[in-house]
Each structure stands twice: as structure tokens, then as C-alpha cells.
Amino acid sequence: MNKAELKHKAKTTIDEAYSKISELEGKRDQITGDLISEFDEKINLLKAKGEELKMKISSYEDEGEDKWDEVKDILADSMESFKEGFAKLGKLF
């Protein structure tokens, strides 16, 4: 996968994550009590991971093709982290 394809995949991953976060935030009123603070904490953690991923991708913007191999690993780790976070949030409903 070349730099352009990785940039596109990273952007798609981030966009999908934020879309899912927005969707879950829309369901926040379906939970009650102590779960609300747990929900908010997990949502904020996912948002922070998204911002961290954006910053990492941005820091590689001017790097050559060879450095983007590192982005593949970062992207794979981030996608797994998002999946885990969404799974935990899904259990609150």
C-alpha cells in the first residue's frame, strides 16, 4: 500500500470512528445512573484516541514512502483500539 492509499485509509478510519461516536452520543439518553459517567468516560477516551491518530498521521505528512510503513502499524493498532472501545460502549446499552 502506498502513501496515498494509507492516507486515504487513515482518513476513512478516523471518519468512521467519529461517525460511530456521534451515533453512540445520540443514544446517550437511553442509559441511566452510573452508566452515564462510564459512557462519557469511554466516549472521551475514544475521541482522544481519534485526535491522537490524527496527530500521528499529520506528523508523517511530509515523510517519504518508507516512513509510511510505520503508519500501517499505527493504523492497525488504532483500528483495534477503536473496535475494543466501541464493543465496551455497546455493552452499556
C-alpha atoms as a PDB file:
ATOM      1  CA  MET A   1       0.000   0.000   0.000  1.00  0.00           C
ATOM      2  CA  ASN A   2       1.462   3.353  -0.970  1.00  0.00           C
ATOM      3  CA  LYS A   3       1.386   6.665   0.913  1.00  0.00           C
ATOM      4  CA  ALA A   4      -1.746   7.974  -0.826  1.00  0.00           C
ATOM      5  CA  GLU A   5      -3.669   4.761  -0.124  1.00  0.00           C
ATOM      6  CA  LEU A   6      -2.594   4.783   3.522  1.00  0.00           C
ATOM      7  CA  LYS A   7      -3.602   8.425   3.927  1.00  0.00           C
ATOM      8  CA  HIS A   8      -7.000   7.610   2.451  1.00  0.00           C
ATOM      9  CA  LYS A   9      -7.419   4.561   4.694  1.00  0.00           C
ATOM     10  CA  ALA A  10      -6.396   6.571   7.763  1.00  0.00           C
ATOM     11  CA  LYS A  11      -8.871   9.337   6.925  1.00  0.00           C
ATOM     12  CA  THR A  12     -11.613   6.775   6.323  1.00  0.00           C
ATOM     13  CA  THR A  13     -10.859   5.052   9.621  1.00  0.00           C
ATOM     14  CA  ILE A  14     -10.977   8.335  11.525  1.00  0.00           C
ATOM     15  CA  ASP A  15     -14.178   9.454   9.771  1.00  0.00           C
ATOM     16  CA  GLU A  16     -15.881   6.120  10.502  1.00  0.00           C
ATOM     17  CA  ALA A  17     -14.810   6.263  14.135  1.00  0.00           C
ATOM     18  CA  TYR A  18     -16.180   9.777  14.611  1.00  0.00           C
ATOM     19  CA  SER A  19     -19.382   8.824  12.828  1.00  0.00           C
ATOM     20  CA  LYS A  20     -19.832   5.885  15.205  1.00  0.00           C
ATOM     21  CA  ILE A  21     -19.023   8.124  18.184  1.00  0.00           C
ATOM     22  CA  SER A  22     -21.710  10.592  17.060  1.00  0.00           C
ATOM     23  CA  GLU A  23     -24.174   7.752  16.633  1.00  0.00           C
ATOM     24  CA  LEU A  24     -23.464   6.498  20.146  1.00  0.00           C
ATOM     25  CA  GLU A  25     -23.709  10.003  21.604  1.00  0.00           C
ATOM     26  CA  GLY A  26     -27.184  10.168  20.098  1.00  0.00           C
ATOM     27  CA  LYS A  27     -28.128   7.121  22.153  1.00  0.00           C
ATOM     28  CA  ARG A  28     -26.757   8.542  25.422  1.00  0.00           C
ATOM     29  CA  ASP A  29     -30.255   9.265  26.736  1.00  0.00           C
ATOM     30  CA  GLN A  30     -31.007   5.526  26.653  1.00  0.00           C
ATOM     31  CA  ILE A  31     -28.715   4.861  29.601  1.00  0.00           C
ATOM     32  CA  THR A  32     -29.198   5.881  33.204  1.00  0.00           C
ATOM     33  CA  GLY A  33     -27.484   6.268  36.538  1.00  0.00           C
ATOM     34  CA  ASP A  34     -23.845   5.391  36.978  1.00  0.00           C
ATOM     35  CA  LEU A  35     -23.629   4.165  33.398  1.00  0.00           C
ATOM     36  CA  ILE A  36     -23.827   7.738  32.112  1.00  0.00           C
ATOM     37  CA  SER A  37     -20.478   8.678  33.641  1.00  0.00           C
ATOM     38  CA  GLU A  38     -18.932   5.438  32.366  1.00  0.00           C
ATOM     39  CA  PHE A  39     -20.355   6.174  28.914  1.00  0.00           C
ATOM     40  CA  ASP A  40     -18.980   9.726  28.942  1.00  0.00           C
ATOM     41  CA  GLU A  41     -15.567   8.489  30.058  1.00  0.00           C
ATOM     42  CA  LYS A  42     -15.389   5.890  27.272  1.00  0.00           C
ATOM     43  CA  ILE A  43     -16.610   8.357  24.628  1.00  0.00           C
ATOM     44  CA  ASN A  44     -13.985  10.883  25.705  1.00  0.00           C
ATOM     45  CA  LEU A  45     -11.309   8.188  25.556  1.00  0.00           C
ATOM     46  CA  LEU A  46     -12.335   7.265  22.004  1.00  0.00           C
ATOM     47  CA  LYS A  47     -12.284  10.921  20.970  1.00  0.00           C
ATOM     48  CA  ALA A  48      -8.803  11.305  22.468  1.00  0.00           C
ATOM     49  CA  LYS A  49      -7.621   8.241  20.542  1.00  0.00           C
ATOM     50  CA  GLY A  50      -9.049   9.741  17.372  1.00  0.00           C
ATOM     51  CA  GLU A  51      -7.233  13.015  17.956  1.00  0.00           C
ATOM     52  CA  GLU A  52      -4.026  11.155  18.729  1.00  0.00           C
ATOM     53  CA  LEU A  53      -4.336   9.229  15.474  1.00  0.00           C
ATOM     54  CA  LYS A  54      -4.937  12.461  13.544  1.00  0.00           C
ATOM     55  CA  MET A  55      -1.809  13.988  15.069  1.00  0.00           C
ATOM     56  CA  LYS A  56       0.300  10.935  14.289  1.00  0.00           C
ATOM     57  CA  ILE A  57      -0.884  10.825  10.687  1.00  0.00           C
ATOM     58  CA  SER A  58      -0.276  14.554  10.342  1.00  0.00           C
ATOM     59  CA  SER A  59       3.265  14.186  11.676  1.00  0.00           C
ATOM     60  CA  TYR A  60       4.029  11.760   8.830  1.00  0.00           C
ATOM     61  CA  GLU A  61       2.574  14.047   6.155  1.00  0.00           C
ATOM     62  CA  ASP A  62       5.917  15.185   4.777  1.00  0.00           C
ATOM     63  CA  GLU A  63       7.737  11.894   5.245  1.00  0.00           C
ATOM     64  CA  GLY A  64       8.761   9.607   2.417  1.00  0.00           C
ATOM     65  CA  GLU A  65       7.064   6.369   1.392  1.00  0.00           C
ATOM     66  CA  ASP A  66       9.308   4.261   3.647  1.00  0.00           C
ATOM     67  CA  LYS A  67       8.148   6.019   6.824  1.00  0.00           C
ATOM     68  CA  TRP A  68       4.549   5.271   5.960  1.00  0.00           C
ATOM     69  CA  ASP A  69       5.148   1.618   6.768  1.00  0.00           C
ATOM     70  CA  GLU A  70       5.064   2.804  10.385  1.00  0.00           C
ATOM     71  CA  VAL A  71       1.667   4.362   9.693  1.00  0.00           C
ATOM     72  CA  LYS A  72       0.321   0.939   8.689  1.00  0.00           C
ATOM     73  CA  ASP A  73       1.181  -0.382  12.151  1.00  0.00           C
ATOM     74  CA  ILE A  74      -0.249   2.690  13.884  1.00  0.00           C
ATOM     75  CA  LEU A  75      -3.425   2.416  11.836  1.00  0.00           C
ATOM     76  CA  ALA A  76      -3.841  -1.290  12.600  1.00  0.00           C
ATOM     77  CA  ASP A  77      -3.353  -0.663  16.328  1.00  0.00           C
ATOM     78  CA  SER A  78      -5.782   2.256  16.260  1.00  0.00           C
ATOM     79  CA  MET A  79      -8.449   0.297  14.420  1.00  0.00           C
ATOM     80  CA  GLU A  80      -8.194  -2.477  17.006  1.00  0.00           C
ATOM     81  CA  SER A  81      -8.364   0.065  19.823  1.00  0.00           C
ATOM     82  CA  PHE A  82     -11.477   1.662  18.322  1.00  0.00           C
ATOM     83  CA  LYS A  83     -13.125  -1.762  17.921  1.00  0.00           C
ATOM     84  CA  GLU A  84     -12.456  -2.587  21.565  1.00  0.00           C
ATOM     85  CA  GLY A  85     -13.739   0.794  22.711  1.00  0.00           C
ATOM     86  CA  PHE A  86     -16.923   0.507  20.682  1.00  0.00           C
ATOM     87  CA  ALA A  87     -17.504  -3.013  21.976  1.00  0.00           C
ATOM     88  CA  LYS A  88     -17.236  -1.761  25.563  1.00  0.00           C
ATOM     89  CA  LEU A  89     -19.664   1.063  24.847  1.00  0.00           C
ATOM     90  CA  GLY A  90     -22.098  -1.302  23.176  1.00  0.00           C
ATOM     91  CA  LYS A  91     -22.319  -3.309  26.389  1.00  0.00           C
ATOM     92  CA  LEU A  92     -23.784  -0.277  28.176  1.00  0.00           C
ATOM     93  CA  PHE A  93     -26.988  -0.449  26.137  1.00  0.00           C
END
